[in-house]
Amino acid sequence: MMALTFGQALACRDRRQAALLLALGVLMGTVIVVAVLVAFPDSHAHALNAAGAFKGTPITGVQNFVEKLKGSLVWLGGTAMSLVIAVVGIMFMAGHSRAHDVAIKTLVGLAILASISGIVA
């Protein structure tokens, strides 16, 4: 049987106090967020409407940036999928026992990526 030393007792108390302070901080943050949402229920919608977020033409600079970002993501995704397909092919040729599992997960991931625009809309 091991005796509890003074240092170990202090360490346990410090951990409990840290956990208590963290829980108290999370609780206070939640209370503040709820109070702000109750006090100003539609303020975010009014701010977006005042900024013209839901009407008018899109900002061309932002639209160009988003189009270039989409193109870069498609290129990156195509490159990553090519690499994954090559690795899975090498796994099949080497006779790896989990090659079928990885191939099925790759196909499911590819199907999800191909249909992401429909899922988002």
PDB file of N, CA and C in Angstrom:
ATOM      1  N   MET A   1       0.840  -1.166   0.000  1.00  0.00           N
ATOM      2  CA  MET A   1       0.000   0.000   0.000  1.00  0.00           C
ATOM      3  C   MET A   1       0.892   1.239   0.000  1.00  0.00           C
ATOM      4  N   MET A   2       0.554   2.183  -0.863  1.00  0.00           N
ATOM      5  CA  MET A   2       1.382   3.376  -1.006  1.00  0.00           C
ATOM      6  C   MET A   2       0.705   4.544  -0.299  1.00  0.00           C
ATOM      7  N   ALA A   3       1.488   5.269   0.423  1.00  0.00           N
ATOM      8  CA  ALA A   3       0.957   6.422   1.144  1.00  0.00           C
ATOM      9  C   ALA A   3       0.852   7.610   0.199  1.00  0.00           C
ATOM     10  N   LEU A   4      -0.179   8.402   0.394  1.00  0.00           N
ATOM     11  CA  LEU A   4      -0.391   9.607  -0.400  1.00  0.00           C
ATOM     12  C   LEU A   4       0.477  10.718   0.183  1.00  0.00           C
ATOM     13  N   THR A   5       1.407  11.204  -0.628  1.00  0.00           N
ATOM     14  CA  THR A   5       2.298  12.246  -0.132  1.00  0.00           C
ATOM     15  C   THR A   5       1.628  13.601  -0.290  1.00  0.00           C
ATOM     16  N   PHE A   6       2.235  14.590   0.357  1.00  0.00           N
ATOM     17  CA  PHE A   6       1.685  15.940   0.334  1.00  0.00           C
ATOM     18  C   PHE A   6       1.689  16.500  -1.092  1.00  0.00           C
ATOM     19  N   GLY A   7       2.752  16.209  -1.871  1.00  0.00           N
ATOM     20  CA  GLY A   7       2.847  16.693  -3.248  1.00  0.00           C
ATOM     21  C   GLY A   7       1.770  16.084  -4.138  1.00  0.00           C
ATOM     22  N   GLN A   8       1.494  14.798  -3.944  1.00  0.00           N
ATOM     23  CA  GLN A   8       0.452  14.152  -4.737  1.00  0.00           C
ATOM     24  C   GLN A   8      -0.919  14.713  -4.390  1.00  0.00           C
ATOM     25  N   ALA A   9      -1.153  14.983  -3.138  1.00  0.00           N
ATOM     26  CA  ALA A   9      -2.437  15.538  -2.719  1.00  0.00           C
ATOM     27  C   ALA A   9      -2.635  16.924  -3.319  1.00  0.00           C
ATOM     28  N   LEU A  10      -1.577  17.723  -3.346  1.00  0.00           N
ATOM     29  CA  LEU A  10      -1.667  19.056  -3.946  1.00  0.00           C
ATOM     30  C   LEU A  10      -1.913  18.961  -5.456  1.00  0.00           C
ATOM     31  N   ALA A  11      -1.278  17.991  -6.108  1.00  0.00           N
ATOM     32  CA  ALA A  11      -1.455  17.824  -7.548  1.00  0.00           C
ATOM     33  C   ALA A  11      -2.894  17.450  -7.860  1.00  0.00           C
ATOM     34  N   CYS A  12      -3.489  16.574  -7.055  1.00  0.00           N
ATOM     35  CA  CYS A  12      -4.897  16.198  -7.261  1.00  0.00           C
ATOM     36  C   CYS A  12      -5.808  17.397  -7.051  1.00  0.00           C
ATOM     37  N   ARG A  13      -5.517  18.190  -6.011  1.00  0.00           N
ATOM     38  CA  ARG A  13      -6.339  19.358  -5.740  1.00  0.00           C
ATOM     39  C   ARG A  13      -6.206  20.381  -6.865  1.00  0.00           C
ATOM     40  N   ASP A  14      -4.986  20.564  -7.395  1.00  0.00           N
ATOM     41  CA  ASP A  14      -4.774  21.505  -8.494  1.00  0.00           C
ATOM     42  C   ASP A  14      -5.540  21.070  -9.742  1.00  0.00           C
ATOM     43  N   ARG A  15      -5.545  19.776 -10.023  1.00  0.00           N
ATOM     44  CA  ARG A  15      -6.291  19.287 -11.187  1.00  0.00           C
ATOM     45  C   ARG A  15      -7.783  19.498 -11.012  1.00  0.00           C
ATOM     46  N   ARG A  16      -8.277  19.257  -9.808  1.00  0.00           N
ATOM     47  CA  ARG A  16      -9.700  19.476  -9.554  1.00  0.00           C
ATOM     48  C   ARG A  16     -10.057  20.947  -9.694  1.00  0.00           C
ATOM     49  N   GLN A  17      -9.191  21.816  -9.179  1.00  0.00           N
ATOM     50  CA  GLN A  17      -9.452  23.248  -9.289  1.00  0.00           C
ATOM     51  C   GLN A  17      -9.400  23.702 -10.742  1.00  0.00           C
ATOM     52  N   ALA A  18      -8.466  23.168 -11.526  1.00  0.00           N
ATOM     53  CA  ALA A  18      -8.370  23.527 -12.938  1.00  0.00           C
ATOM     54  C   ALA A  18      -9.611  23.069 -13.685  1.00  0.00           C
ATOM     55  N   ALA A  19     -10.073  21.857 -13.385  1.00  0.00           N
ATOM     56  CA  ALA A  19     -11.283  21.359 -14.042  1.00  0.00           C
ATOM     57  C   ALA A  19     -12.497  22.190 -13.639  1.00  0.00           C
ATOM     58  N   LEU A  20     -12.553  22.575 -12.378  1.00  0.00           N
ATOM     59  CA  LEU A  20     -13.658  23.405 -11.902  1.00  0.00           C
ATOM     60  C   LEU A  20     -13.633  24.777 -12.569  1.00  0.00           C
ATOM     61  N   LEU A  21     -12.459  25.374 -12.699  1.00  0.00           N
ATOM     62  CA  LEU A  21     -12.349  26.681 -13.362  1.00  0.00           C
ATOM     63  C   LEU A  21     -12.715  26.578 -14.838  1.00  0.00           C
ATOM     64  N   LEU A  22     -12.314  25.508 -15.490  1.00  0.00           N
ATOM     65  CA  LEU A  22     -12.676  25.314 -16.895  1.00  0.00           C
ATOM     66  C   LEU A  22     -14.184  25.175 -17.054  1.00  0.00           C
ATOM     67  N   ALA A  23     -14.809  24.373 -16.196  1.00  0.00           N
ATOM     68  CA  ALA A  23     -16.258  24.203 -16.254  1.00  0.00           C
ATOM     69  C   ALA A  23     -16.969  25.518 -15.970  1.00  0.00           C
ATOM     70  N   LEU A  24     -16.465  26.267 -15.020  1.00  0.00           N
ATOM     71  CA  LEU A  24     -17.056  27.568 -14.701  1.00  0.00           C
ATOM     72  C   LEU A  24     -16.916  28.535 -15.873  1.00  0.00           C
ATOM     73  N   GLY A  25     -15.781  28.532 -16.542  1.00  0.00           N
ATOM     74  CA  GLY A  25     -15.575  29.387 -17.707  1.00  0.00           C
ATOM     75  C   GLY A  25     -16.507  29.034 -18.855  1.00  0.00           C
ATOM     76  N   VAL A  26     -16.671  27.742 -19.105  1.00  0.00           N
ATOM     77  CA  VAL A  26     -17.594  27.302 -20.160  1.00  0.00           C
ATOM     78  C   VAL A  26     -19.024  27.701 -19.815  1.00  0.00           C
ATOM     79  N   LEU A  27     -19.395  27.526 -18.573  1.00  0.00           N
ATOM     80  CA  LEU A  27     -20.743  27.901 -18.142  1.00  0.00           C
ATOM     81  C   LEU A  27     -20.975  29.397 -18.288  1.00  0.00           C
ATOM     82  N   MET A  28     -20.015  30.208 -17.877  1.00  0.00           N
ATOM     83  CA  MET A  28     -20.156  31.658 -17.997  1.00  0.00           C
ATOM     84  C   MET A  28     -20.214  32.083 -19.465  1.00  0.00           C
ATOM     85  N   GLY A  29     -19.399  31.475 -20.301  1.00  0.00           N
ATOM     86  CA  GLY A  29     -19.435  31.784 -21.730  1.00  0.00           C
ATOM     87  C   GLY A  29     -20.785  31.451 -22.339  1.00  0.00           C
ATOM     88  N   THR A  30     -21.345  30.304 -21.968  1.00  0.00           N
ATOM     89  CA  THR A  30     -22.658  29.909 -22.463  1.00  0.00           C
ATOM     90  C   THR A  30     -23.725  30.884 -22.008  1.00  0.00           C
ATOM     91  N   VAL A  31     -23.660  31.288 -20.752  1.00  0.00           N
ATOM     92  CA  VAL A  31     -24.643  32.247 -20.221  1.00  0.00           C
ATOM     93  C   VAL A  31     -24.549  33.568 -20.976  1.00  0.00           C
ATOM     94  N   ILE A  32     -23.348  34.039 -21.249  1.00  0.00           N
ATOM     95  CA  ILE A  32     -23.181  35.308 -21.970  1.00  0.00           C
ATOM     96  C   ILE A  32     -23.727  35.205 -23.385  1.00  0.00           C
ATOM     97  N   VAL A  33     -23.431  34.111 -24.074  1.00  0.00           N
ATOM     98  CA  VAL A  33     -23.928  33.928 -25.442  1.00  0.00           C
ATOM     99  C   VAL A  33     -25.452  33.874 -25.462  1.00  0.00           C
ATOM    100  N   VAL A  34     -26.034  33.135 -24.540  1.00  0.00           N
ATOM    101  CA  VAL A  34     -27.495  33.045 -24.476  1.00  0.00           C
ATOM    102  C   VAL A  34     -28.099  34.410 -24.172  1.00  0.00           C
ATOM    103  N   ALA A  35     -27.483  35.172 -23.270  1.00  0.00           N
ATOM    104  CA  ALA A  35     -28.003  36.506 -22.931  1.00  0.00           C
ATOM    105  C   ALA A  35     -27.955  37.431 -24.139  1.00  0.00           C
ATOM    106  N   VAL A  36     -26.885  37.387 -24.903  1.00  0.00           N
ATOM    107  CA  VAL A  36     -26.784  38.230 -26.100  1.00  0.00           C
ATOM    108  C   VAL A  36     -27.826  37.815 -27.130  1.00  0.00           C
ATOM    109  N   LEU A  37     -28.014  36.507 -27.328  1.00  0.00           N
ATOM    110  CA  LEU A  37     -29.008  36.036 -28.295  1.00  0.00           C
ATOM    111  C   LEU A  37     -30.432  36.399 -27.874  1.00  0.00           C
ATOM    112  N   VAL A  38     -30.694  36.376 -26.567  1.00  0.00           N
ATOM    113  CA  VAL A  38     -32.026  36.755 -26.084  1.00  0.00           C
ATOM    114  C   VAL A  38     -32.233  38.256 -26.203  1.00  0.00           C
ATOM    115  N   ALA A  39     -31.202  39.028 -25.915  1.00  0.00           N
ATOM    116  CA  ALA A  39     -31.332  40.490 -25.958  1.00  0.00           C
ATOM    117  C   ALA A  39     -31.450  41.005 -27.384  1.00  0.00           C
ATOM    118  N   PHE A  40     -30.725  40.390 -28.323  1.00  0.00           N
ATOM    119  CA  PHE A  40     -30.731  40.840 -29.718  1.00  0.00           C
ATOM    120  C   PHE A  40     -31.059  39.655 -30.635  1.00  0.00           C
ATOM    121  N   PRO A  41     -32.319  39.228 -30.715  1.00  0.00           N
ATOM    122  CA  PRO A  41     -32.634  37.998 -31.436  1.00  0.00           C
ATOM    123  C   PRO A  41     -32.427  38.087 -32.950  1.00  0.00           C
ATOM    124  N   ASP A  42     -32.689  39.229 -33.574  1.00  0.00           N
ATOM    125  CA  ASP A  42     -32.576  39.322 -35.022  1.00  0.00           C
ATOM    126  C   ASP A  42     -31.481  40.268 -35.470  1.00  0.00           C
ATOM    127  N   SER A  43     -30.540  40.569 -34.609  1.00  0.00           N
ATOM    128  CA  SER A  43     -29.532  41.569 -34.954  1.00  0.00           C
ATOM    129  C   SER A  43     -28.634  41.096 -36.086  1.00  0.00           C
ATOM    130  N   HIS A  44     -28.292  39.802 -36.128  1.00  0.00           N
ATOM    131  CA  HIS A  44     -27.404  39.327 -37.188  1.00  0.00           C
ATOM    132  C   HIS A  44     -28.079  39.416 -38.548  1.00  0.00           C
ATOM    133  N   ALA A  45     -29.367  39.128 -38.619  1.00  0.00           N
ATOM    134  CA  ALA A  45     -30.082  39.226 -39.894  1.00  0.00           C
ATOM    135  C   ALA A  45     -30.185  40.679 -40.344  1.00  0.00           C
ATOM    136  N   HIS A  46     -30.434  41.587 -39.406  1.00  0.00           N
ATOM    137  CA  HIS A  46     -30.511  43.005 -39.760  1.00  0.00           C
ATOM    138  C   HIS A  46     -29.157  43.522 -40.245  1.00  0.00           C
ATOM    139  N   ALA A  47     -28.097  43.087 -39.614  1.00  0.00           N
ATOM    140  CA  ALA A  47     -26.765  43.536 -40.016  1.00  0.00           C
ATOM    141  C   ALA A  47     -26.427  43.033 -41.415  1.00  0.00           C
ATOM    142  N   LEU A  48     -26.768  41.788 -41.715  1.00  0.00           N
ATOM    143  CA  LEU A  48     -26.496  41.257 -43.048  1.00  0.00           C
ATOM    144  C   LEU A  48     -27.345  41.946 -44.108  1.00  0.00           C
ATOM    145  N   ASN A  49     -28.596  42.218 -43.795  1.00  0.00           N
ATOM    146  CA  ASN A  49     -29.456  42.933 -44.745  1.00  0.00           C
ATOM    147  C   ASN A  49     -28.946  44.349 -44.974  1.00  0.00           C
ATOM    148  N   ALA A  50     -28.498  45.013 -43.918  1.00  0.00           N
ATOM    149  CA  ALA A  50     -27.978  46.364 -44.064  1.00  0.00           C
ATOM    150  C   ALA A  50     -26.703  46.380 -44.898  1.00  0.00           C
ATOM    151  N   ALA A  51     -25.930  45.321 -44.829  1.00  0.00           N
ATOM    152  CA  ALA A  51     -24.695  45.235 -45.611  1.00  0.00           C
ATOM    153  C   ALA A  51     -24.956  44.826 -47.052  1.00  0.00           C
ATOM    154  N   GLY A  52     -26.193  44.478 -47.382  1.00  0.00           N
ATOM    155  CA  GLY A  52     -26.520  44.080 -48.748  1.00  0.00           C
ATOM    156  C   GLY A  52     -26.129  42.657 -49.065  1.00  0.00           C
ATOM    157  N   ALA A  53     -26.170  41.795 -48.060  1.00  0.00           N
ATOM    158  CA  ALA A  53     -25.723  40.424 -48.264  1.00  0.00           C
ATOM    159  C   ALA A  53     -26.697  39.606 -49.103  1.00  0.00           C
ATOM    160  N   PHE A  54     -27.972  39.939 -49.089  1.00  0.00           N
ATOM    161  CA  PHE A  54     -28.968  39.100 -49.750  1.00  0.00           C
ATOM    162  C   PHE A  54     -29.573  39.743 -50.978  1.00  0.00           C
ATOM    163  N   LYS A  55     -29.027  40.856 -51.432  1.00  0.00           N
ATOM    164  CA  LYS A  55     -29.598  41.490 -52.608  1.00  0.00           C
ATOM    165  C   LYS A  55     -28.483  42.114 -53.432  1.00  0.00           C
ATOM    166  N   GLY A  56     -28.750  42.379 -54.691  1.00  0.00           N
ATOM    167  CA  GLY A  56     -27.760  43.009 -55.553  1.00  0.00           C
ATOM    168  C   GLY A  56     -26.841  42.004 -56.201  1.00  0.00           C
ATOM    169  N   THR A  57     -25.851  42.516 -56.889  1.00  0.00           N
ATOM    170  CA  THR A  57     -24.908  41.663 -57.604  1.00  0.00           C
ATOM    171  C   THR A  57     -23.742  41.308 -56.691  1.00  0.00           C
ATOM    172  N   PRO A  58     -23.117  40.158 -56.935  1.00  0.00           N
ATOM    173  CA  PRO A  58     -21.973  39.787 -56.105  1.00  0.00           C
ATOM    174  C   PRO A  58     -20.772  40.680 -56.398  1.00  0.00           C
ATOM    175  N   ILE A  59     -19.904  40.800 -55.444  1.00  0.00           N
ATOM    176  CA  ILE A  59     -18.685  41.590 -55.606  1.00  0.00           C
ATOM    177  C   ILE A  59     -17.759  40.809 -56.532  1.00  0.00           C
ATOM    178  N   THR A  60     -17.304  41.437 -57.610  1.00  0.00           N
ATOM    179  CA  THR A  60     -16.543  40.708 -58.622  1.00  0.00           C
ATOM    180  C   THR A  60     -15.213  40.186 -58.093  1.00  0.00           C
ATOM    181  N   GLY A  61     -14.538  40.947 -57.261  1.00  0.00           N
ATOM    182  CA  GLY A  61     -13.260  40.485 -56.717  1.00  0.00           C
ATOM    183  C   GLY A  61     -13.427  39.240 -55.869  1.00  0.00           C
ATOM    184  N   VAL A  62     -14.455  39.232 -55.048  1.00  0.00           N
ATOM    185  CA  VAL A  62     -14.719  38.063 -54.198  1.00  0.00           C
ATOM    186  C   VAL A  62     -15.155  36.884 -55.057  1.00  0.00           C
ATOM    187  N   GLN A  63     -15.982  37.160 -56.077  1.00  0.00           N
ATOM    188  CA  GLN A  63     -16.445  36.083 -56.956  1.00  0.00           C
ATOM    189  C   GLN A  63     -15.267  35.457 -57.709  1.00  0.00           C
ATOM    190  N   ASN A  64     -14.335  36.273 -58.189  1.00  0.00           N
ATOM    191  CA  ASN A  64     -13.153  35.738 -58.874  1.00  0.00           C
ATOM    192  C   ASN A  64     -12.302  34.906 -57.924  1.00  0.00           C
ATOM    193  N   PHE A  65     -12.147  35.387 -56.699  1.00  0.00           N
ATOM    194  CA  PHE A  65     -11.369  34.646 -55.706  1.00  0.00           C
ATOM    195  C   PHE A  65     -11.994  33.284 -55.424  1.00  0.00           C
ATOM    196  N   VAL A  66     -13.314  33.258 -55.272  1.00  0.00           N
ATOM    197  CA  VAL A  66     -14.001  32.000 -54.984  1.00  0.00           C
ATOM    198  C   VAL A  66     -13.875  31.042 -56.164  1.00  0.00           C
ATOM    199  N   GLU A  67     -13.981  31.543 -57.386  1.00  0.00           N
ATOM    200  CA  GLU A  67     -13.840  30.689 -58.571  1.00  0.00           C
ATOM    201  C   GLU A  67     -12.430  30.103 -58.654  1.00  0.00           C
ATOM    202  N   LYS A  68     -11.407  30.919 -58.386  1.00  0.00           N
ATOM    203  CA  LYS A  68     -10.037  30.412 -58.417  1.00  0.00           C
ATOM    204  C   LYS A  68      -9.802  29.409 -57.296  1.00  0.00           C
ATOM    205  N   LEU A  69     -10.411  29.653 -56.141  1.00  0.00           N
ATOM    206  CA  LEU A  69     -10.281  28.726 -55.023  1.00  0.00           C
ATOM    207  C   LEU A  69     -10.937  27.387 -55.357  1.00  0.00           C
ATOM    208  N   LYS A  70     -12.100  27.437 -55.997  1.00  0.00           N
ATOM    209  CA  LYS A  70     -12.767  26.196 -56.418  1.00  0.00           C
ATOM    210  C   LYS A  70     -11.894  25.423 -57.397  1.00  0.00           C
ATOM    211  N   GLY A  71     -11.322  26.137 -58.355  1.00  0.00           N
ATOM    212  CA  GLY A  71     -10.446  25.475 -59.324  1.00  0.00           C
ATOM    213  C   GLY A  71      -9.248  24.825 -58.663  1.00  0.00           C
ATOM    214  N   SER A  72      -8.654  25.505 -57.696  1.00  0.00           N
ATOM    215  CA  SER A  72      -7.509  24.949 -56.984  1.00  0.00           C
ATOM    216  C   SER A  72      -7.906  23.719 -56.171  1.00  0.00           C
ATOM    217  N   LEU A  73      -9.063  23.766 -55.549  1.00  0.00           N
ATOM    218  CA  LEU A  73      -9.524  22.618 -54.759  1.00  0.00           C
ATOM    219  C   LEU A  73      -9.825  21.418 -55.647  1.00  0.00           C
ATOM    220  N   VAL A  74     -10.400  21.670 -56.822  1.00  0.00           N
ATOM    221  CA  VAL A  74     -10.664  20.563 -57.749  1.00  0.00           C
ATOM    222  C   VAL A  74      -9.349  19.944 -58.202  1.00  0.00           C
ATOM    223  N   TRP A  75      -8.362  20.776 -58.516  1.00  0.00           N
ATOM    224  CA  TRP A  75      -7.051  20.258 -58.918  1.00  0.00           C
ATOM    225  C   TRP A  75      -6.416  19.458 -57.792  1.00  0.00           C
ATOM    226  N   LEU A  76      -6.476  19.989 -56.569  1.00  0.00           N
ATOM    227  CA  LEU A  76      -5.899  19.297 -55.424  1.00  0.00           C
ATOM    228  C   LEU A  76      -6.616  17.970 -55.173  1.00  0.00           C
ATOM    229  N   GLY A  77      -7.939  17.974 -55.262  1.00  0.00           N
ATOM    230  CA  GLY A  77      -8.699  16.741 -55.070  1.00  0.00           C
ATOM    231  C   GLY A  77      -8.391  15.713 -56.136  1.00  0.00           C
ATOM    232  N   GLY A  78      -8.269  16.156 -57.391  1.00  0.00           N
ATOM    233  CA  GLY A  78      -7.925  15.222 -58.472  1.00  0.00           C
ATOM    234  C   GLY A  78      -6.553  14.610 -58.277  1.00  0.00           C
ATOM    235  N   THR A  79      -5.600  15.417 -57.858  1.00  0.00           N
ATOM    236  CA  THR A  79      -4.249  14.920 -57.604  1.00  0.00           C
ATOM    237  C   THR A  79      -4.248  13.915 -56.448  1.00  0.00           C
ATOM    238  N   ALA A  80      -4.959  14.242 -55.387  1.00  0.00           N
ATOM    239  CA  ALA A  80      -5.018  13.337 -54.232  1.00  0.00           C
ATOM    240  C   ALA A  80      -5.698  12.023 -54.597  1.00  0.00           C
ATOM    241  N   MET A  81      -6.777  12.089 -55.371  1.00  0.00           N
ATOM    242  CA  MET A  81      -7.468  10.860 -55.760  1.00  0.00           C
ATOM    243  C   MET A  81      -6.592  10.010 -56.676  1.00  0.00           C
ATOM    244  N   SER A  82      -5.834  10.636 -57.566  1.00  0.00           N
ATOM    245  CA  SER A  82      -4.913   9.883 -58.423  1.00  0.00           C
ATOM    246  C   SER A  82      -3.872   9.159 -57.586  1.00  0.00           C
ATOM    247  N   LEU A  83      -3.349   9.829 -56.575  1.00  0.00           N
ATOM    248  CA  LEU A  83      -2.371   9.208 -55.692  1.00  0.00           C
ATOM    249  C   LEU A  83      -2.989   8.047 -54.913  1.00  0.00           C
ATOM    250  N   VAL A  84      -4.201   8.242 -54.417  1.00  0.00           N
ATOM    251  CA  VAL A  84      -4.871   7.177 -53.666  1.00  0.00           C
ATOM    252  C   VAL A  84      -5.127   5.972 -54.561  1.00  0.00           C
ATOM    253  N   ILE A  85      -5.578   6.221 -55.798  1.00  0.00           N
ATOM    254  CA  ILE A  85      -5.837   5.115 -56.730  1.00  0.00           C
ATOM    255  C   ILE A  85      -4.539   4.367 -57.030  1.00  0.00           C
ATOM    256  N   ALA A  86      -3.439   5.092 -57.198  1.00  0.00           N
ATOM    257  CA  ALA A  86      -2.160   4.434 -57.447  1.00  0.00           C
ATOM    258  C   ALA A  86      -1.726   3.593 -56.249  1.00  0.00           C
ATOM    259  N   VAL A  87      -1.892   4.119 -55.048  1.00  0.00           N
ATOM    260  CA  VAL A  87      -1.502   3.378 -53.839  1.00  0.00           C
ATOM    261  C   VAL A  87      -2.369   2.131 -53.670  1.00  0.00           C
ATOM    262  N   VAL A  88      -3.673   2.257 -53.917  1.00  0.00           N
ATOM    263  CA  VAL A  88      -4.560   1.093 -53.795  1.00  0.00           C
ATOM    264  C   VAL A  88      -4.182   0.050 -54.842  1.00  0.00           C
ATOM    265  N   GLY A  89      -3.850   0.478 -56.055  1.00  0.00           N
ATOM    266  CA  GLY A  89      -3.402  -0.470 -57.080  1.00  0.00           C
ATOM    267  C   GLY A  89      -2.144  -1.203 -56.672  1.00  0.00           C
ATOM    268  N   ILE A  90      -1.194  -0.469 -56.073  1.00  0.00           N
ATOM    269  CA  ILE A  90       0.028  -1.110 -55.591  1.00  0.00           C
ATOM    270  C   ILE A  90      -0.286  -2.086 -54.467  1.00  0.00           C
ATOM    271  N   MET A  91      -1.256  -1.726 -53.609  1.00  0.00           N
ATOM    272  CA  MET A  91      -1.652  -2.645 -52.533  1.00  0.00           C
ATOM    273  C   MET A  91      -2.224  -3.933 -53.094  1.00  0.00           C
ATOM    274  N   PHE A  92      -3.054  -3.830 -54.164  1.00  0.00           N
ATOM    275  CA  PHE A  92      -3.606  -5.023 -54.799  1.00  0.00           C
ATOM    276  C   PHE A  92      -2.494  -5.873 -55.401  1.00  0.00           C
ATOM    277  N   MET A  93      -1.551  -5.230 -56.087  1.00  0.00           N
ATOM    278  CA  MET A  93      -0.469  -5.994 -56.716  1.00  0.00           C
ATOM    279  C   MET A  93       0.415  -6.674 -55.677  1.00  0.00           C
ATOM    280  N   ALA A  94       0.583  -6.049 -54.534  1.00  0.00           N
ATOM    281  CA  ALA A  94       1.427  -6.626 -53.490  1.00  0.00           C
ATOM    282  C   ALA A  94       0.690  -7.681 -52.678  1.00  0.00           C
ATOM    283  N   GLY A  95      -0.635  -7.795 -52.875  1.00  0.00           N
ATOM    284  CA  GLY A  95      -1.403  -8.797 -52.152  1.00  0.00           C
ATOM    285  C   GLY A  95      -1.710  -8.405 -50.718  1.00  0.00           C
ATOM    286  N   HIS A  96      -1.860  -7.120 -50.467  1.00  0.00           N
ATOM    287  CA  HIS A  96      -2.147  -6.647 -49.117  1.00  0.00           C
ATOM    288  C   HIS A  96      -3.522  -7.148 -48.687  1.00  0.00           C
ATOM    289  N   SER A  97      -3.657  -7.539 -47.436  1.00  0.00           N
ATOM    290  CA  SER A  97      -4.906  -8.131 -46.957  1.00  0.00           C
ATOM    291  C   SER A  97      -6.039  -7.113 -46.832  1.00  0.00           C
ATOM    292  N   ARG A  98      -5.729  -5.829 -46.708  1.00  0.00           N
ATOM    293  CA  ARG A  98      -6.777  -4.815 -46.545  1.00  0.00           C
ATOM    294  C   ARG A  98      -7.005  -3.990 -47.810  1.00  0.00           C
ATOM    295  N   ALA A  99      -6.489  -4.438 -48.935  1.00  0.00           N
ATOM    296  CA  ALA A  99      -6.602  -3.669 -50.171  1.00  0.00           C
ATOM    297  C   ALA A  99      -8.065  -3.493 -50.582  1.00  0.00           C
ATOM    298  N   HIS A 100      -8.872  -4.520 -50.429  1.00  0.00           N
ATOM    299  CA  HIS A 100     -10.286  -4.416 -50.803  1.00  0.00           C
ATOM    300  C   HIS A 100     -11.014  -3.400 -49.921  1.00  0.00           C
ATOM    301  N   ASP A 101     -10.720  -3.431 -48.643  1.00  0.00           N
ATOM    302  CA  ASP A 101     -11.339  -2.488 -47.707  1.00  0.00           C
ATOM    303  C   ASP A 101     -10.971  -1.045 -48.058  1.00  0.00           C
ATOM    304  N   VAL A 102      -9.708  -0.811 -48.345  1.00  0.00           N
ATOM    305  CA  VAL A 102      -9.258   0.536 -48.701  1.00  0.00           C
ATOM    306  C   VAL A 102      -9.883   0.971 -50.025  1.00  0.00           C
ATOM    307  N   ALA A 103     -10.007   0.032 -50.988  1.00  0.00           N
ATOM    308  CA  ALA A 103     -10.602   0.360 -52.280  1.00  0.00           C
ATOM    309  C   ALA A 103     -12.068   0.752 -52.123  1.00  0.00           C
ATOM    310  N   ILE A 104     -12.804   0.028 -51.294  1.00  0.00           N
ATOM    311  CA  ILE A 104     -14.225   0.341 -51.084  1.00  0.00           C
ATOM    312  C   ILE A 104     -14.356   1.702 -50.403  1.00  0.00           C
ATOM    313  N   LYS A 105     -13.528   1.975 -49.396  1.00  0.00           N
ATOM    314  CA  LYS A 105     -13.585   3.276 -48.717  1.00  0.00           C
ATOM    315  C   LYS A 105     -13.213   4.409 -49.673  1.00  0.00           C
ATOM    316  N   THR A 106     -12.277   4.152 -50.578  1.00  0.00           N
ATOM    317  CA  THR A 106     -11.902   5.158 -51.568  1.00  0.00           C
ATOM    318  C   THR A 106     -13.060   5.447 -52.504  1.00  0.00           C
ATOM    319  N   LEU A 107     -13.754   4.409 -52.958  1.00  0.00           N
ATOM    320  CA  LEU A 107     -14.906   4.604 -53.852  1.00  0.00           C
ATOM    321  C   LEU A 107     -16.031   5.351 -53.149  1.00  0.00           C
ATOM    322  N   VAL A 108     -16.270   5.032 -51.892  1.00  0.00           N
ATOM    323  CA  VAL A 108     -17.310   5.744 -51.140  1.00  0.00           C
ATOM    324  C   VAL A 108     -16.920   7.212 -50.968  1.00  0.00           C
ATOM    325  N   GLY A 109     -15.677   7.481 -50.659  1.00  0.00           N
ATOM    326  CA  GLY A 109     -15.211   8.860 -50.527  1.00  0.00           C
ATOM    327  C   GLY A 109     -15.304   9.618 -51.834  1.00  0.00           C
ATOM    328  N   LEU A 110     -14.975   8.961 -52.932  1.00  0.00           N
ATOM    329  CA  LEU A 110     -15.088   9.591 -54.245  1.00  0.00           C
ATOM    330  C   LEU A 110     -16.541   9.897 -54.586  1.00  0.00           C
ATOM    331  N   ALA A 111     -17.452   8.986 -54.239  1.00  0.00           N
ATOM    332  CA  ALA A 111     -18.877   9.227 -54.487  1.00  0.00           C
ATOM    333  C   ALA A 111     -19.388  10.403 -53.653  1.00  0.00           C
ATOM    334  N   ILE A 112     -18.933  10.502 -52.422  1.00  0.00           N
ATOM    335  CA  ILE A 112     -19.342  11.625 -51.574  1.00  0.00           C
ATOM    336  C   ILE A 112     -18.817  12.937 -52.140  1.00  0.00           C
ATOM    337  N   LEU A 113     -17.556  12.950 -52.564  1.00  0.00           N
ATOM    338  CA  LEU A 113     -16.983  14.160 -53.141  1.00  0.00           C
ATOM    339  C   LEU A 113     -17.681  14.552 -54.435  1.00  0.00           C
ATOM    340  N   ALA A 114     -18.069  13.561 -55.239  1.00  0.00           N
ATOM    341  CA  ALA A 114     -18.732  13.864 -56.510  1.00  0.00           C
ATOM    342  C   ALA A 114     -20.123  14.433 -56.281  1.00  0.00           C
ATOM    343  N   SER A 115     -20.779  14.056 -55.191  1.00  0.00           N
ATOM    344  CA  SER A 115     -22.138  14.516 -54.954  1.00  0.00           C
ATOM    345  C   SER A 115     -22.226  15.619 -53.910  1.00  0.00           C
ATOM    346  N   ILE A 116     -21.092  16.201 -53.547  1.00  0.00           N
ATOM    347  CA  ILE A 116     -21.097  17.218 -52.483  1.00  0.00           C
ATOM    348  C   ILE A 116     -21.894  18.454 -52.867  1.00  0.00           C
ATOM    349  N   SER A 117     -21.888  18.830 -54.126  1.00  0.00           N
ATOM    350  CA  SER A 117     -22.644  20.016 -54.525  1.00  0.00           C
ATOM    351  C   SER A 117     -24.137  19.780 -54.361  1.00  0.00           C
ATOM    352  N   GLY A 118     -24.610  18.583 -54.635  1.00  0.00           N
ATOM    353  CA  GLY A 118     -26.017  18.261 -54.420  1.00  0.00           C
ATOM    354  C   GLY A 118     -26.378  18.186 -52.955  1.00  0.00           C
ATOM    355  N   ILE A 119     -25.436  17.709 -52.137  1.00  0.00           N
ATOM    356  CA  ILE A 119     -25.698  17.610 -50.703  1.00  0.00           C
ATOM    357  C   ILE A 119     -25.767  19.006 -50.092  1.00  0.00           C
ATOM    358  N   VAL A 120     -24.888  19.899 -50.514  1.00  0.00           N
ATOM    359  CA  VAL A 120     -24.872  21.251 -49.973  1.00  0.00           C
ATOM    360  C   VAL A 120     -26.106  22.021 -50.400  1.00  0.00           C
ATOM    361  N   ALA A 121     -26.534  21.840 -51.644  1.00  0.00           N
ATOM    362  CA  ALA A 121     -27.715  22.568 -52.144  1.00  0.00           C
ATOM    363  C   ALA A 121     -28.944  21.996 -51.523  1.00  0.00           C
TER     364      ALA A 121
END
